[in-house]
Amino acid sequence: MDTPIAGFPGFVNELSEEYRIIFKQKRSFDQFKRCITGLILSRHPTIASINGMFIEHTDQSNLNRFVTGNSWSEYQLNKTKIHMINQVEPDGIVILDDFITEKFGENIYGTDYHFDHSKGRNVFGHSIVDCVLSGKGIFPLLSSIYLREKSRWRDSRKHLTKIDIQIRHLTQLVDMGLKFNYVTFDCWYFCKKLTDHIESLGKDWVGQVKSNRLIWVDDKWISVKEYAERIFPDRSFKTAKIDVDTYLVKAVTVIMKNMGPVRLLISNNDRGKFHFYATNRIEWNEAKVLKVYCRRWDIEVWHREGKVDYGLKDCQLRSDGGVSKYLALSSCADTFLEIVTLLSPLLGALRKKVGTPGLKHHFVHLELLKDLISFIQSKGKKSYECILGAILYPYKSTKVKRINLV
């Protein structure tokens, strides 16, 4: 059961002030704060459940219209979020990736069958192409629904591959003024079209490389795996320790087919398996390449939190604009909680010691409990009826009103 909400948490009121200019009407601004609060605190943050969490709530259709309507700009929301991130993150690394959220319902916009590599089979749902900033915190930046070329949801617009979507994301991030210098990604995004675009924006990159990529060695093209097996083991390999795992690593400058000169990092773990990484920074040593690429795993943290804590798995909206804005609001809610964690001495100490998202949410619940007590004290006996109604009938505003004619 979700905690009944008597008022917005203090940090939501404070951080929301930067967004006031986006929402022209007070009702819209209140719905924004309602949505942010619900996304942070609801166990299953659908539109109906978010609306029902508040002791004094209006009809659910009002919140639904706020999310799916055209009364505010998604671009401006993201731009304001970027401005907030810049105030706490002077620099960071942008990570590119995508993930799948399973859905049940063919009328949910953008759903299709996609191959899930973690499960080894096709699953029905959303394929979401996204990026995050990794710095002192982890901040979701931009998200887009990927539509297959023959998707029934496609309109007359040109089909965009996942590479195309990430190129658009990076361009928007630069236009919005995000402070970052490096971009990192796994082997599925490693291609010259993307790396050329990153360099055109004045940024550097580190990407994972498939073992069959070809490099020019001794007047012929050979795979990076064949090259690694040829030179390994070698005394020039260095030892690198990442968490509890130990690797032997070596960085060399090579000519890679369809890529040109790159700095190639060869990594071998204690089980004898090779991994390969490349960067445009020819002068970087092994430690620098590893330091940047290892930040890529931060996006997995957001994927895990986004699916469960911020409703990406529960989203069932049926319009392009609705799904897109829901994704933007979810990432905005996570940014609010991440910023207050960085700025609050108490939450900051908790983050260094444990850092689990659940405990951060518990501290917000404590603030809401304090507000609930204040609500009871101010409303007196009447407050009990309001609270019981919110607990027992959270979706009262969604029920169909029946009229009996006598």
Protein backbone atom coordinates (compact mmCIF):
# COMPACT_ATOMS: atom_id res chain seq x y z
CA MET A 1 0.00 0.00 0.00
CA ASP A 2 1.33 3.45 -0.92
CA THR A 3 1.64 6.10 1.78
CA PRO A 4 -1.23 8.65 1.52
CA ILE A 5 0.21 12.01 0.47
CA ALA A 6 -1.05 15.17 2.19
CA GLY A 7 1.39 17.56 0.49
CA PHE A 8 4.35 17.68 -1.86
CA PRO A 9 7.77 16.85 -0.35
CA GLY A 10 9.86 19.94 0.38
CA PHE A 11 12.54 19.10 -2.19
CA VAL A 12 9.90 18.66 -4.91
CA ASN A 13 8.49 22.13 -4.16
CA GLU A 14 11.98 23.63 -4.16
CA LEU A 15 13.39 21.97 -7.29
CA SER A 16 10.14 22.44 -9.22
CA GLU A 17 10.51 26.23 -9.17
CA GLU A 18 12.90 26.02 -12.13
CA TYR A 19 10.07 24.41 -14.13
CA ARG A 20 7.37 26.94 -13.30
CA ILE A 21 7.96 28.91 -16.53
CA ILE A 22 7.17 25.79 -18.61
CA PHE A 23 3.69 25.38 -17.12
CA LYS A 24 1.59 28.44 -17.86
CA GLN A 25 -1.28 27.56 -15.54
CA LYS A 26 -1.13 26.81 -11.83
CA ARG A 27 -3.15 23.61 -12.37
CA SER A 28 -0.58 22.31 -14.83
CA PHE A 29 2.25 23.17 -12.45
CA ASP A 30 0.49 21.34 -9.61
CA GLN A 31 -0.07 18.31 -11.88
CA PHE A 32 3.65 18.35 -12.69
CA LYS A 33 4.55 18.23 -8.98
CA ARG A 34 1.89 15.59 -8.42
CA CYS A 35 3.37 13.46 -11.21
CA ILE A 36 6.98 13.87 -10.00
CA THR A 37 6.01 12.99 -6.42
CA GLY A 38 4.00 9.96 -7.51
CA LEU A 39 6.73 8.64 -9.80
CA ILE A 40 9.22 8.80 -6.93
CA LEU A 41 6.98 7.22 -4.29
CA SER A 42 4.42 4.92 -5.91
CA ARG A 43 5.16 1.20 -5.98
CA HIS A 44 3.32 0.88 -9.32
CA PRO A 45 3.36 4.38 -10.80
CA THR A 46 0.55 4.30 -13.35
CA ILE A 47 -1.48 7.46 -13.94
CA ALA A 48 -4.36 6.07 -11.84
CA SER A 49 -2.18 5.00 -8.91
CA ILE A 50 -0.26 8.30 -8.84
CA ASN A 51 -3.50 10.25 -8.76
CA GLY A 52 -4.97 8.00 -6.06
CA MET A 53 -2.00 8.46 -3.70
CA PHE A 54 -3.05 12.00 -2.83
CA ILE A 55 -5.58 12.49 -0.03
CA GLU A 56 -7.18 15.38 -1.87
CA HIS A 57 -7.14 14.46 -5.54
CA THR A 58 -9.13 15.45 -8.59
CA ASP A 59 -10.44 13.20 -11.33
CA GLN A 60 -7.75 10.97 -12.82
CA SER A 61 -8.52 12.30 -16.31
CA ASN A 62 -6.93 15.63 -15.34
CA LEU A 63 -3.55 14.00 -14.70
CA ASN A 64 -3.96 11.86 -17.82
CA ARG A 65 -4.57 14.97 -19.96
CA PHE A 66 -1.53 16.61 -18.42
CA VAL A 67 0.73 13.72 -19.45
CA THR A 68 -0.73 13.14 -22.92
CA GLY A 69 -1.70 16.71 -23.90
CA ASN A 70 0.15 19.51 -25.69
CA SER A 71 0.04 22.11 -22.91
CA TRP A 72 3.80 21.90 -22.23
CA SER A 73 7.03 21.31 -24.14
CA GLU A 74 8.95 18.09 -23.62
CA TYR A 75 12.05 19.76 -25.10
CA GLN A 76 11.87 22.60 -22.56
CA LEU A 77 11.37 20.09 -19.72
CA ASN A 78 14.51 18.22 -20.75
CA LYS A 79 16.45 21.45 -21.25
CA THR A 80 15.54 22.64 -17.74
CA LYS A 81 16.57 19.24 -16.36
CA ILE A 82 19.94 19.54 -18.13
CA HIS A 83 20.40 23.00 -16.57
CA MET A 84 19.74 21.52 -13.11
CA ILE A 85 22.20 18.67 -13.72
CA ASN A 86 24.89 21.16 -14.80
CA GLN A 87 24.61 22.89 -11.43
CA VAL A 88 25.68 19.73 -9.56
CA GLU A 89 27.78 18.00 -12.23
CA PRO A 90 30.57 20.15 -13.73
CA ASP A 91 31.53 17.29 -16.07
CA GLY A 92 30.48 13.75 -16.83
CA ILE A 93 30.44 10.84 -19.25
CA VAL A 94 27.45 10.22 -21.53
CA ILE A 95 26.55 6.54 -21.86
CA LEU A 96 24.50 5.21 -24.79
CA ASP A 97 22.42 2.04 -24.64
CA ASP A 98 18.92 0.62 -25.08
CA PHE A 99 16.69 -1.78 -23.16
CA ILE A 100 13.39 -3.63 -23.45
CA THR A 101 10.36 -3.39 -21.15
CA GLU A 102 7.84 -6.20 -21.60
CA LYS A 103 4.21 -5.15 -22.11
CA PHE A 104 0.82 -6.82 -22.17
CA GLY A 105 -1.63 -5.06 -24.45
CA GLU A 106 -1.45 -4.57 -28.20
CA ASN A 107 -2.95 -1.06 -28.05
CA ILE A 108 -0.05 0.39 -26.07
CA TYR A 109 1.80 2.75 -28.41
CA GLY A 110 5.10 1.53 -29.84
CA THR A 111 4.86 -2.09 -28.72
CA ASP A 112 6.32 -4.79 -30.93
CA TYR A 113 8.35 -7.99 -30.77
CA HIS A 114 12.04 -7.36 -30.08
CA PHE A 115 14.88 -9.78 -29.53
CA ASP A 116 16.02 -9.71 -25.90
CA HIS A 117 19.68 -10.78 -25.73
CA SER A 118 19.50 -11.35 -21.97
CA LYS A 119 16.69 -13.90 -22.47
CA GLY A 120 17.74 -15.23 -25.87
CA ARG A 121 14.27 -14.85 -27.39
CA ASN A 122 11.78 -12.34 -28.76
CA VAL A 123 9.66 -10.48 -26.22
CA PHE A 124 6.68 -8.17 -26.72
CA GLY A 125 7.10 -4.64 -25.42
CA HIS A 126 8.93 -1.34 -25.82
CA SER A 127 12.47 -1.04 -27.10
CA ILE A 128 13.74 2.17 -25.48
CA VAL A 129 16.88 3.91 -26.78
CA ASP A 130 18.34 6.11 -24.08
CA CYS A 131 21.40 7.81 -22.60
CA VAL A 132 22.53 8.79 -19.09
CA LEU A 133 25.19 11.04 -17.59
CA SER A 134 27.62 9.38 -15.21
CA GLY A 135 29.38 11.70 -12.76
CA LYS A 136 29.06 12.04 -9.01
CA GLY A 137 25.51 10.81 -9.61
CA ILE A 138 23.69 8.93 -12.37
CA PHE A 139 21.24 11.05 -14.38
CA PRO A 140 18.90 9.75 -17.13
CA LEU A 141 19.01 12.24 -20.00
CA LEU A 142 16.92 11.45 -23.10
CA SER A 143 14.79 8.43 -24.05
CA SER A 144 13.04 7.50 -27.29
CA ILE A 145 10.87 4.57 -28.36
CA TYR A 146 12.50 2.61 -31.17
CA LEU A 147 10.09 1.60 -33.94
CA ARG A 148 11.05 -1.20 -36.29
CA GLU A 149 11.06 -0.36 -40.00
CA LYS A 150 7.85 -2.32 -40.61
CA SER A 151 6.19 -1.37 -37.33
CA ARG A 152 2.45 -0.71 -37.50
CA TRP A 153 3.06 2.41 -35.41
CA ARG A 154 5.27 4.08 -38.00
CA ASP A 155 3.99 7.14 -39.83
CA SER A 156 5.31 8.85 -42.95
CA ARG A 157 8.46 10.04 -41.21
CA LYS A 158 11.81 8.51 -42.16
CA HIS A 159 12.72 5.33 -40.30
CA LEU A 160 15.35 5.94 -37.64
CA THR A 161 17.77 3.23 -36.60
CA LYS A 162 19.01 3.09 -33.01
CA ILE A 163 22.23 4.72 -34.23
CA ASP A 164 20.19 7.56 -35.80
CA ILE A 165 18.27 8.06 -32.55
CA GLN A 166 21.45 8.28 -30.50
CA ILE A 167 22.95 10.76 -32.97
CA ARG A 168 19.84 12.90 -32.49
CA HIS A 169 20.12 12.54 -28.71
CA LEU A 170 23.75 13.67 -28.67
CA THR A 171 22.98 16.66 -30.88
CA GLN A 172 20.18 17.70 -28.55
CA LEU A 173 22.38 17.31 -25.47
CA VAL A 174 24.96 19.66 -26.96
CA ASP A 175 22.23 22.13 -28.00
CA MET A 176 20.84 22.01 -24.44
CA GLY A 177 24.28 22.79 -23.02
CA LEU A 178 25.03 19.57 -21.12
CA LYS A 179 28.56 19.54 -19.70
CA PHE A 180 30.37 16.39 -20.84
CA ASN A 181 33.53 15.43 -22.72
CA TYR A 182 33.30 11.68 -23.32
CA VAL A 183 30.78 9.22 -24.76
CA THR A 184 30.91 5.49 -24.16
CA PHE A 185 28.88 2.57 -25.54
CA ASP A 186 28.95 -1.19 -26.09
CA CYS A 187 29.84 -3.05 -29.29
CA TRP A 188 26.31 -2.76 -30.76
CA TYR A 189 26.84 1.01 -31.21
CA PHE A 190 30.44 0.84 -32.43
CA CYS A 191 30.37 2.21 -35.98
CA LYS A 192 31.99 5.05 -37.90
CA LYS A 193 28.71 6.91 -38.45
CA LEU A 194 28.30 7.38 -34.70
CA THR A 195 31.96 8.00 -33.83
CA ASP A 196 32.32 10.58 -36.61
CA HIS A 197 29.28 12.42 -35.25
CA ILE A 198 30.67 12.36 -31.70
CA GLU A 199 33.95 13.83 -32.92
CA SER A 200 32.10 16.49 -34.95
CA LEU A 201 30.53 17.64 -31.66
CA GLY A 202 34.02 18.07 -30.17
CA LYS A 203 33.72 15.02 -27.89
CA ASP A 204 35.80 11.88 -27.45
CA TRP A 205 34.58 8.28 -27.29
CA VAL A 206 35.34 4.81 -25.94
CA GLY A 207 33.46 1.79 -27.26
CA GLN A 208 33.52 -1.96 -26.92
CA VAL A 209 34.73 -3.82 -30.03
CA LYS A 210 33.55 -7.18 -31.34
CA SER A 211 36.25 -9.83 -31.56
CA ASN A 212 35.86 -10.18 -35.36
CA ARG A 213 36.71 -6.54 -36.18
CA LEU A 214 39.67 -6.36 -38.57
CA ILE A 215 42.94 -4.48 -38.10
CA TRP A 216 45.92 -4.04 -40.46
CA VAL A 217 48.89 -6.10 -39.26
CA ASP A 218 51.93 -7.22 -41.32
CA ASP A 219 50.36 -6.09 -44.61
CA LYS A 220 47.07 -7.96 -44.13
CA TRP A 221 43.73 -7.70 -42.32
CA ILE A 222 43.33 -9.94 -39.28
CA SER A 223 40.75 -10.01 -36.50
CA VAL A 224 41.51 -8.36 -33.16
CA LYS A 225 41.03 -11.74 -31.53
CA GLU A 226 43.65 -13.35 -33.77
CA TYR A 227 46.02 -10.47 -33.04
CA ALA A 228 45.46 -10.78 -29.29
CA GLU A 229 46.13 -14.53 -29.33
CA ARG A 230 49.30 -13.90 -31.29
CA ILE A 231 50.82 -11.45 -28.80
CA PHE A 232 49.45 -12.98 -25.56
CA PRO A 233 50.95 -13.71 -23.12
CA ASP A 234 53.51 -10.95 -23.25
CA ARG A 235 55.45 -9.25 -20.49
CA SER A 236 54.24 -5.88 -21.75
CA PHE A 237 50.70 -6.69 -20.57
CA LYS A 238 49.81 -4.81 -17.39
CA THR A 239 47.70 -5.96 -14.47
CA ALA A 240 44.47 -4.09 -13.80
CA LYS A 241 42.09 -4.72 -10.92
CA ILE A 242 38.42 -3.75 -11.24
CA ASP A 243 36.47 -4.40 -8.04
CA VAL A 244 37.41 -7.98 -7.14
CA ASP A 245 38.40 -9.08 -10.66
CA THR A 246 41.91 -8.98 -12.10
CA TYR A 247 42.71 -8.45 -15.80
CA LEU A 248 45.78 -8.39 -18.01
CA VAL A 249 45.55 -5.40 -20.36
CA LYS A 250 47.52 -3.86 -23.18
CA ALA A 251 46.85 -0.75 -25.31
CA VAL A 252 48.17 -0.48 -28.89
CA THR A 253 47.57 1.93 -31.75
CA VAL A 254 46.21 0.17 -34.85
CA ILE A 255 44.47 0.82 -38.16
CA MET A 256 40.97 -0.65 -37.92
CA LYS A 257 38.99 -1.45 -41.05
CA ASN A 258 36.27 1.16 -41.78
CA MET A 259 37.40 3.15 -38.73
CA GLY A 260 40.98 4.35 -39.35
CA PRO A 261 43.55 4.86 -36.56
CA VAL A 262 42.28 3.92 -33.08
CA ARG A 263 43.74 3.07 -29.72
CA LEU A 264 42.87 -0.59 -29.10
CA LEU A 265 42.73 -1.99 -25.57
CA ILE A 266 43.08 -5.77 -25.23
CA SER A 267 41.80 -7.24 -21.97
CA ASN A 268 42.13 -10.82 -20.75
CA ASN A 269 40.42 -12.04 -17.60
CA ASP A 270 41.47 -14.84 -15.27
CA ARG A 271 39.33 -17.29 -17.28
CA GLY A 272 41.29 -16.62 -20.46
CA LYS A 273 38.55 -14.68 -22.26
CA PHE A 274 39.44 -11.62 -24.34
CA HIS A 275 37.51 -8.35 -24.49
CA PHE A 276 38.34 -5.41 -26.75
CA TYR A 277 37.79 -1.66 -26.53
CA ALA A 278 38.72 1.25 -28.77
CA THR A 279 38.98 5.03 -28.49
CA ASN A 280 39.83 7.94 -30.75
CA ARG A 281 42.35 9.20 -28.17
CA ILE A 282 45.52 7.62 -29.52
CA GLU A 283 47.66 8.84 -26.60
CA TRP A 284 45.58 7.26 -23.82
CA ASN A 285 47.07 4.52 -21.68
CA GLU A 286 45.31 1.40 -20.41
CA ALA A 287 44.12 2.99 -17.15
CA LYS A 288 42.44 5.95 -18.88
CA VAL A 289 40.56 3.76 -21.39
CA LEU A 290 39.34 1.46 -18.61
CA LYS A 291 38.36 4.37 -16.36
CA VAL A 292 36.07 5.84 -19.00
CA TYR A 293 34.56 2.58 -20.28
CA CYS A 294 33.83 1.16 -16.82
CA ARG A 295 31.37 4.02 -16.28
CA ARG A 296 29.17 2.41 -18.94
CA TRP A 297 27.71 0.11 -16.31
CA ASP A 298 26.03 3.06 -14.61
CA ILE A 299 23.32 3.00 -17.26
CA GLU A 300 22.33 -0.48 -16.05
CA VAL A 301 21.54 1.09 -12.67
CA TRP A 302 19.07 3.47 -14.32
CA HIS A 303 17.52 0.70 -16.41
CA ARG A 304 16.89 -1.34 -13.27
CA GLU A 305 15.48 1.64 -11.35
CA GLY A 306 13.52 3.00 -14.31
CA LYS A 307 11.70 -0.26 -14.94
CA VAL A 308 10.69 -0.82 -11.32
CA ASP A 309 10.80 2.48 -9.43
CA TYR A 310 9.71 4.93 -12.12
CA GLY A 311 7.00 3.08 -13.96
CA LEU A 312 8.63 2.38 -17.34
CA LYS A 313 7.40 -1.20 -17.02
CA ASP A 314 3.87 -0.12 -16.02
CA CYS A 315 3.39 2.62 -18.65
CA GLN A 316 0.34 1.73 -20.79
CA LEU A 317 -0.30 4.97 -22.68
CA ARG A 318 -1.71 4.71 -26.19
CA SER A 319 -0.25 7.75 -27.95
CA ASP A 320 3.21 8.68 -29.21
CA GLY A 321 3.22 11.97 -27.30
CA GLY A 322 1.94 10.34 -24.11
CA VAL A 323 4.64 7.65 -24.00
CA SER A 324 7.37 10.15 -24.89
CA LYS A 325 6.31 12.60 -22.19
CA TYR A 326 5.94 9.84 -19.62
CA LEU A 327 9.56 8.83 -20.31
CA ALA A 328 10.66 12.46 -19.89
CA LEU A 329 8.76 12.85 -16.61
CA SER A 330 10.18 9.57 -15.26
CA SER A 331 13.75 10.67 -15.91
CA CYS A 332 12.95 14.08 -14.40
CA ALA A 333 11.63 12.43 -11.21
CA ASP A 334 14.81 10.36 -10.87
CA THR A 335 16.88 13.52 -11.38
CA PHE A 336 15.04 15.24 -8.52
CA LEU A 337 15.85 12.38 -6.14
CA GLU A 338 19.45 12.12 -7.37
CA ILE A 339 20.05 15.86 -6.88
CA VAL A 340 18.57 15.95 -3.38
CA THR A 341 20.75 12.93 -2.53
CA LEU A 342 23.86 14.79 -3.67
CA LEU A 343 22.95 18.03 -1.88
CA SER A 344 21.55 16.65 1.39
CA PRO A 345 24.25 15.88 4.02
CA LEU A 346 22.12 13.09 5.50
CA LEU A 347 21.24 11.43 2.21
CA GLY A 348 24.77 12.02 0.95
CA ALA A 349 26.20 10.08 3.89
CA LEU A 350 23.68 7.32 3.21
CA ARG A 351 24.69 7.22 -0.45
CA LYS A 352 28.39 6.77 0.38
CA LYS A 353 27.65 4.07 2.92
CA VAL A 354 24.98 2.07 1.15
CA GLY A 355 23.62 3.94 -1.86
CA THR A 356 20.55 1.80 -2.53
CA PRO A 357 17.58 3.52 -4.23
CA GLY A 358 15.16 1.95 -1.75
CA LEU A 359 16.72 3.69 1.25
CA LYS A 360 16.61 7.05 -0.54
CA HIS A 361 12.88 6.53 -1.05
CA HIS A 362 12.44 5.68 2.63
CA PHE A 363 13.81 9.07 3.65
CA VAL A 364 11.26 10.78 1.39
CA HIS A 365 8.52 8.67 2.98
CA LEU A 366 9.59 9.97 6.39
CA GLU A 367 9.04 13.53 5.18
CA LEU A 368 5.60 12.57 3.90
CA LEU A 369 4.77 10.99 7.27
CA LYS A 370 5.64 14.27 8.94
CA ASP A 371 3.33 16.11 6.50
CA LEU A 372 0.58 13.56 7.18
CA ILE A 373 0.79 14.25 10.93
CA SER A 374 0.60 17.99 10.28
CA PHE A 375 -2.44 17.41 8.06
CA ILE A 376 -4.20 15.50 10.85
CA GLN A 377 -3.44 18.24 13.36
CA SER A 378 -4.76 20.99 11.06
CA LYS A 379 -7.91 19.20 9.85
CA GLY A 380 -8.92 17.51 13.11
CA LYS A 381 -11.54 14.75 13.03
CA LYS A 382 -12.32 15.42 9.38
CA SER A 383 -8.79 14.34 8.44
CA TYR A 384 -9.48 10.73 9.45
CA GLU A 385 -12.29 10.44 6.89
CA CYS A 386 -10.05 11.91 4.18
CA ILE A 387 -7.16 9.57 4.97
CA LEU A 388 -9.36 6.47 5.21
CA GLY A 389 -10.98 7.40 1.91
CA ALA A 390 -7.57 7.76 0.26
CA ILE A 391 -6.47 4.36 1.61
CA LEU A 392 -9.65 2.37 1.02
CA TYR A 393 -10.73 4.03 -2.23
CA PRO A 394 -7.57 5.31 -3.95
CA TYR A 395 -9.12 5.02 -7.41
CA LYS A 396 -12.46 6.58 -6.52
CA SER A 397 -12.04 9.28 -9.18
CA THR A 398 -11.59 6.65 -11.90
CA LYS A 399 -14.87 4.84 -11.25
CA VAL A 400 -17.72 5.30 -13.73
CA LYS A 401 -20.55 7.35 -12.29
CA ARG A 402 -23.81 5.49 -12.87
CA ILE A 403 -27.12 7.34 -13.13
CA ASN A 404 -30.30 5.40 -12.35
CA LEU A 405 -33.45 6.81 -13.93
CA VAL A 406 -36.60 6.25 -11.89
